[in-house]
Amino acid sequence: MIIGILSRKVNLIPIYIGDLLYSVLIYFIFCFLFPTKNRIHILMFSILFCFTIETSQLIQWDWLVLIRKTTLGHYVLGEGFLWLDMFCYFIGSATAYLIDSKFIKN
């Protein structure tokens, strides 16, 4: 989480690293919450969750914009839709799945 936050503050860390790490975090949170679920399902849920958060950035309801202006709201919900973020979420979730299936689950 620290590296993800630093990616928004420090120019030495590419900004997309935060998006990759966010999706890895979401994948492993789902693994923790649903330990008996098939890992492919966890992968799909994490990608769907990240895509939903990113797509929700296209919605500009006043109360939602206010939440996004808070520090926590900004980190969790983001502010602006980017296709690159969708790609990063897919790569991050897929990487987490590969790490989980090759090194952790076995």
N, C-alpha and C. Protein backbone atom coordinates (compact mmCIF):
# COMPACT_ATOMS: atom_id res chain seq x y z
N MET A 1 0.82 -1.18 0.00
CA MET A 1 0.00 0.00 0.00
C MET A 1 0.87 1.25 0.00
N ILE A 2 1.97 1.19 0.72
CA ILE A 2 2.85 2.35 0.79
C ILE A 2 3.44 2.67 -0.58
N ILE A 3 3.88 1.64 -1.30
CA ILE A 3 4.44 1.87 -2.63
C ILE A 3 3.37 2.43 -3.57
N GLY A 4 2.15 1.93 -3.46
CA GLY A 4 1.06 2.43 -4.29
C GLY A 4 0.77 3.90 -4.02
N ILE A 5 0.77 4.28 -2.75
CA ILE A 5 0.54 5.69 -2.40
C ILE A 5 1.73 6.53 -2.85
N LEU A 6 2.93 6.02 -2.65
CA LEU A 6 4.13 6.76 -3.08
C LEU A 6 4.15 6.96 -4.60
N SER A 7 3.57 6.03 -5.34
CA SER A 7 3.55 6.18 -6.80
C SER A 7 2.78 7.42 -7.23
N ARG A 8 1.91 7.91 -6.36
CA ARG A 8 1.15 9.13 -6.64
C ARG A 8 1.90 10.38 -6.20
N LYS A 9 2.92 10.20 -5.35
CA LYS A 9 3.60 11.34 -4.75
C LYS A 9 5.04 11.52 -5.24
N VAL A 10 5.71 10.40 -5.59
CA VAL A 10 7.14 10.42 -5.94
C VAL A 10 7.29 10.17 -7.44
N ASN A 11 7.99 11.03 -8.11
CA ASN A 11 8.16 10.91 -9.56
C ASN A 11 9.02 9.72 -9.98
N LEU A 12 9.83 9.18 -9.08
CA LEU A 12 10.70 8.05 -9.43
C LEU A 12 9.92 6.76 -9.63
N ILE A 13 8.73 6.67 -9.04
CA ILE A 13 7.90 5.47 -9.15
C ILE A 13 6.84 5.74 -10.22
N PRO A 14 6.78 4.93 -11.27
CA PRO A 14 5.76 5.14 -12.30
C PRO A 14 4.35 5.10 -11.71
N ILE A 15 3.49 5.98 -12.17
CA ILE A 15 2.15 6.13 -11.59
C ILE A 15 1.30 4.87 -11.76
N TYR A 16 1.53 4.09 -12.80
CA TYR A 16 0.72 2.89 -13.02
C TYR A 16 1.03 1.78 -12.03
N ILE A 17 2.15 1.86 -11.32
CA ILE A 17 2.49 0.85 -10.31
C ILE A 17 1.40 0.81 -9.24
N GLY A 18 0.88 1.97 -8.87
CA GLY A 18 -0.20 2.01 -7.88
C GLY A 18 -1.42 1.25 -8.33
N ASP A 19 -1.78 1.35 -9.61
CA ASP A 19 -2.94 0.64 -10.14
C ASP A 19 -2.69 -0.87 -10.16
N LEU A 20 -1.50 -1.27 -10.53
CA LEU A 20 -1.15 -2.69 -10.50
C LEU A 20 -1.26 -3.24 -9.09
N LEU A 21 -0.68 -2.52 -8.13
CA LEU A 21 -0.69 -2.98 -6.74
C LEU A 21 -2.09 -2.96 -6.15
N TYR A 22 -2.91 -2.00 -6.56
CA TYR A 22 -4.30 -1.94 -6.10
C TYR A 22 -5.04 -3.22 -6.49
N SER A 23 -4.88 -3.64 -7.73
CA SER A 23 -5.58 -4.85 -8.17
C SER A 23 -5.02 -6.11 -7.51
N VAL A 24 -3.73 -6.13 -7.23
CA VAL A 24 -3.14 -7.26 -6.48
C VAL A 24 -3.76 -7.31 -5.08
N LEU A 25 -3.86 -6.15 -4.44
CA LEU A 25 -4.46 -6.06 -3.11
C LEU A 25 -5.91 -6.55 -3.13
N ILE A 26 -6.68 -6.12 -4.11
CA ILE A 26 -8.08 -6.54 -4.23
C ILE A 26 -8.17 -8.05 -4.41
N TYR A 27 -7.31 -8.62 -5.26
CA TYR A 27 -7.31 -10.07 -5.47
C TYR A 27 -7.09 -10.81 -4.15
N PHE A 28 -6.07 -10.41 -3.40
CA PHE A 28 -5.77 -11.12 -2.16
C PHE A 28 -6.78 -10.84 -1.05
N ILE A 29 -7.43 -9.69 -1.08
CA ILE A 29 -8.53 -9.45 -0.13
C ILE A 29 -9.67 -10.42 -0.43
N PHE A 30 -9.99 -10.61 -1.71
CA PHE A 30 -11.03 -11.56 -2.07
C PHE A 30 -10.62 -12.99 -1.68
N CYS A 31 -9.36 -13.33 -1.84
CA CYS A 31 -8.88 -14.65 -1.42
C CYS A 31 -9.08 -14.84 0.08
N PHE A 32 -8.81 -13.78 0.84
CA PHE A 32 -8.99 -13.84 2.29
C PHE A 32 -10.46 -13.96 2.66
N LEU A 33 -11.30 -13.18 2.00
CA LEU A 33 -12.73 -13.18 2.33
C LEU A 33 -13.46 -14.45 1.88
N PHE A 34 -12.99 -15.05 0.80
CA PHE A 34 -13.64 -16.23 0.23
C PHE A 34 -12.61 -17.35 0.01
N PRO A 35 -12.08 -17.91 1.10
CA PRO A 35 -10.98 -18.89 0.98
C PRO A 35 -11.35 -20.18 0.27
N THR A 36 -12.62 -20.53 0.23
CA THR A 36 -13.02 -21.79 -0.41
C THR A 36 -13.41 -21.62 -1.88
N LYS A 37 -13.47 -20.38 -2.35
CA LYS A 37 -13.84 -20.13 -3.75
C LYS A 37 -12.71 -20.55 -4.69
N ASN A 38 -13.11 -20.98 -5.86
CA ASN A 38 -12.17 -21.30 -6.92
C ASN A 38 -11.37 -20.04 -7.26
N ARG A 39 -10.06 -20.19 -7.46
CA ARG A 39 -9.20 -19.04 -7.70
C ARG A 39 -9.52 -18.33 -9.01
N ILE A 40 -10.02 -19.05 -9.99
CA ILE A 40 -10.44 -18.40 -11.24
C ILE A 40 -11.61 -17.46 -10.96
N HIS A 41 -12.52 -17.88 -10.09
CA HIS A 41 -13.64 -17.02 -9.72
C HIS A 41 -13.14 -15.78 -8.98
N ILE A 42 -12.19 -15.97 -8.10
CA ILE A 42 -11.58 -14.84 -7.38
C ILE A 42 -10.96 -13.87 -8.38
N LEU A 43 -10.26 -14.41 -9.36
CA LEU A 43 -9.64 -13.57 -10.40
C LEU A 43 -10.71 -12.76 -11.12
N MET A 44 -11.79 -13.40 -11.52
CA MET A 44 -12.86 -12.71 -12.24
C MET A 44 -13.52 -11.65 -11.36
N PHE A 45 -13.77 -11.98 -10.09
CA PHE A 45 -14.37 -11.01 -9.17
C PHE A 45 -13.47 -9.80 -8.97
N SER A 46 -12.17 -10.05 -8.84
CA SER A 46 -11.26 -8.92 -8.60
C SER A 46 -11.17 -8.02 -9.83
N ILE A 47 -11.12 -8.61 -11.01
CA ILE A 47 -11.10 -7.80 -12.24
C ILE A 47 -12.41 -7.02 -12.36
N LEU A 48 -13.53 -7.69 -12.13
CA LEU A 48 -14.84 -7.03 -12.21
C LEU A 48 -14.93 -5.88 -11.20
N PHE A 49 -14.46 -6.12 -9.99
CA PHE A 49 -14.49 -5.08 -8.97
C PHE A 49 -13.67 -3.87 -9.40
N CYS A 50 -12.44 -4.11 -9.84
CA CYS A 50 -11.56 -3.01 -10.27
C CYS A 50 -12.14 -2.27 -11.47
N PHE A 51 -12.68 -3.00 -12.43
CA PHE A 51 -13.29 -2.36 -13.60
C PHE A 51 -14.50 -1.53 -13.19
N THR A 52 -15.28 -2.03 -12.24
CA THR A 52 -16.45 -1.30 -11.77
C THR A 52 -16.05 0.00 -11.09
N ILE A 53 -15.02 -0.05 -10.25
CA ILE A 53 -14.52 1.16 -9.60
C ILE A 53 -14.05 2.16 -10.65
N GLU A 54 -13.29 1.68 -11.63
CA GLU A 54 -12.77 2.58 -12.67
C GLU A 54 -13.91 3.18 -13.50
N THR A 55 -14.85 2.35 -13.89
CA THR A 55 -15.97 2.83 -14.69
C THR A 55 -16.84 3.80 -13.91
N SER A 56 -16.93 3.60 -12.59
CA SER A 56 -17.74 4.51 -11.77
C SER A 56 -17.18 5.92 -11.76
N GLN A 57 -15.93 6.08 -12.18
CA GLN A 57 -15.33 7.41 -12.23
C GLN A 57 -15.95 8.26 -13.34
N LEU A 58 -16.70 7.64 -14.22
CA LEU A 58 -17.42 8.39 -15.24
C LEU A 58 -18.70 9.02 -14.68
N ILE A 59 -19.13 8.55 -13.50
CA ILE A 59 -20.32 9.09 -12.85
C ILE A 59 -19.90 10.29 -12.00
N GLN A 60 -20.58 11.38 -12.18
CA GLN A 60 -20.21 12.62 -11.49
C GLN A 60 -21.34 13.13 -10.58
N TRP A 61 -21.95 12.26 -9.80
CA TRP A 61 -22.96 12.70 -8.84
C TRP A 61 -22.27 13.53 -7.77
N ASP A 62 -22.94 14.55 -7.29
CA ASP A 62 -22.34 15.47 -6.33
C ASP A 62 -21.80 14.76 -5.09
N TRP A 63 -22.59 13.87 -4.51
CA TRP A 63 -22.16 13.19 -3.29
C TRP A 63 -20.98 12.27 -3.54
N LEU A 64 -20.91 11.69 -4.74
CA LEU A 64 -19.79 10.82 -5.08
C LEU A 64 -18.52 11.63 -5.32
N VAL A 65 -18.66 12.78 -5.94
CA VAL A 65 -17.51 13.68 -6.13
C VAL A 65 -16.97 14.14 -4.78
N LEU A 66 -17.85 14.42 -3.84
CA LEU A 66 -17.41 14.82 -2.50
C LEU A 66 -16.62 13.71 -1.81
N ILE A 67 -17.07 12.47 -1.96
CA ILE A 67 -16.33 11.35 -1.38
C ILE A 67 -14.96 11.22 -2.03
N ARG A 68 -14.90 11.37 -3.35
CA ARG A 68 -13.63 11.25 -4.06
C ARG A 68 -12.64 12.36 -3.68
N LYS A 69 -13.13 13.47 -3.17
CA LYS A 69 -12.25 14.58 -2.78
C LYS A 69 -11.60 14.34 -1.43
N THR A 70 -12.07 13.34 -0.66
CA THR A 70 -11.40 12.99 0.59
C THR A 70 -10.18 12.13 0.26
N THR A 71 -9.24 12.05 1.18
CA THR A 71 -8.03 11.27 0.93
C THR A 71 -8.36 9.80 0.70
N LEU A 72 -9.13 9.21 1.60
CA LEU A 72 -9.49 7.79 1.46
C LEU A 72 -10.34 7.56 0.21
N GLY A 73 -11.30 8.44 -0.03
CA GLY A 73 -12.14 8.32 -1.22
C GLY A 73 -11.33 8.40 -2.50
N HIS A 74 -10.34 9.27 -2.50
CA HIS A 74 -9.47 9.41 -3.68
C HIS A 74 -8.68 8.13 -3.93
N TYR A 75 -8.13 7.54 -2.86
CA TYR A 75 -7.32 6.33 -3.04
C TYR A 75 -8.16 5.11 -3.39
N VAL A 76 -9.38 5.03 -2.86
CA VAL A 76 -10.22 3.86 -3.11
C VAL A 76 -11.00 3.99 -4.42
N LEU A 77 -11.59 5.15 -4.65
CA LEU A 77 -12.47 5.34 -5.81
C LEU A 77 -11.83 6.02 -7.00
N GLY A 78 -10.67 6.67 -6.80
CA GLY A 78 -10.02 7.37 -7.89
C GLY A 78 -10.77 8.62 -8.29
N GLU A 79 -10.29 9.26 -9.35
CA GLU A 79 -10.93 10.51 -9.78
C GLU A 79 -11.27 10.55 -11.26
N GLY A 80 -10.43 10.04 -12.11
CA GLY A 80 -10.68 10.14 -13.54
C GLY A 80 -10.51 8.81 -14.24
N PHE A 81 -11.41 8.52 -15.17
CA PHE A 81 -11.37 7.27 -15.92
C PHE A 81 -10.19 7.29 -16.90
N LEU A 82 -9.42 6.18 -16.90
CA LEU A 82 -8.33 5.99 -17.87
C LEU A 82 -8.35 4.54 -18.35
N TRP A 83 -8.23 4.38 -19.66
CA TRP A 83 -8.15 3.01 -20.20
C TRP A 83 -6.89 2.31 -19.73
N LEU A 84 -5.81 3.04 -19.53
CA LEU A 84 -4.56 2.44 -19.03
C LEU A 84 -4.78 1.80 -17.67
N ASP A 85 -5.61 2.41 -16.84
CA ASP A 85 -5.91 1.84 -15.52
C ASP A 85 -6.59 0.48 -15.67
N MET A 86 -7.50 0.36 -16.63
CA MET A 86 -8.18 -0.92 -16.85
C MET A 86 -7.17 -2.00 -17.22
N PHE A 87 -6.24 -1.64 -18.09
CA PHE A 87 -5.19 -2.58 -18.48
C PHE A 87 -4.34 -2.97 -17.27
N CYS A 88 -3.98 -1.98 -16.45
CA CYS A 88 -3.17 -2.25 -15.25
C CYS A 88 -3.91 -3.16 -14.27
N TYR A 89 -5.22 -2.94 -14.12
CA TYR A 89 -6.00 -3.79 -13.22
C TYR A 89 -6.03 -5.23 -13.72
N PHE A 90 -6.16 -5.41 -15.01
CA PHE A 90 -6.16 -6.76 -15.56
C PHE A 90 -4.80 -7.43 -15.34
N ILE A 91 -3.73 -6.72 -15.66
CA ILE A 91 -2.37 -7.28 -15.50
C ILE A 91 -2.09 -7.57 -14.02
N GLY A 92 -2.44 -6.65 -13.14
CA GLY A 92 -2.20 -6.85 -11.71
C GLY A 92 -2.96 -8.03 -11.15
N SER A 93 -4.23 -8.15 -11.51
CA SER A 93 -5.04 -9.28 -11.03
C SER A 93 -4.52 -10.60 -11.58
N ALA A 94 -4.17 -10.61 -12.86
CA ALA A 94 -3.64 -11.84 -13.47
C ALA A 94 -2.30 -12.23 -12.84
N THR A 95 -1.47 -11.26 -12.55
CA THR A 95 -0.19 -11.53 -11.89
C THR A 95 -0.42 -12.10 -10.49
N ALA A 96 -1.35 -11.51 -9.75
CA ALA A 96 -1.67 -12.01 -8.41
C ALA A 96 -2.18 -13.45 -8.49
N TYR A 97 -3.02 -13.72 -9.47
CA TYR A 97 -3.54 -15.08 -9.66
C TYR A 97 -2.40 -16.06 -9.94
N LEU A 98 -1.48 -15.67 -10.82
CA LEU A 98 -0.34 -16.55 -11.14
C LEU A 98 0.53 -16.80 -9.92
N ILE A 99 0.81 -15.76 -9.17
CA ILE A 99 1.61 -15.91 -7.94
C ILE A 99 0.88 -16.83 -6.96
N ASP A 100 -0.42 -16.60 -6.81
CA ASP A 100 -1.22 -17.41 -5.90
C ASP A 100 -1.25 -18.87 -6.32
N SER A 101 -1.50 -19.12 -7.59
CA SER A 101 -1.64 -20.51 -8.04
C SER A 101 -0.29 -21.24 -8.11
N LYS A 102 0.79 -20.55 -8.36
CA LYS A 102 2.09 -21.22 -8.50
C LYS A 102 2.86 -21.32 -7.18
N PHE A 103 2.76 -20.31 -6.32
CA PHE A 103 3.61 -20.26 -5.15
C PHE A 103 2.88 -20.34 -3.81
N ILE A 104 1.68 -19.83 -3.74
CA ILE A 104 1.02 -19.74 -2.45
C ILE A 104 0.07 -20.91 -2.20
N LYS A 105 -0.82 -21.16 -3.14
CA LYS A 105 -1.86 -22.17 -2.93
C LYS A 105 -1.30 -23.57 -2.78
N ASN A 106 -0.27 -23.89 -3.52
CA ASN A 106 0.31 -25.23 -3.45
C ASN A 106 1.15 -25.32 -2.23
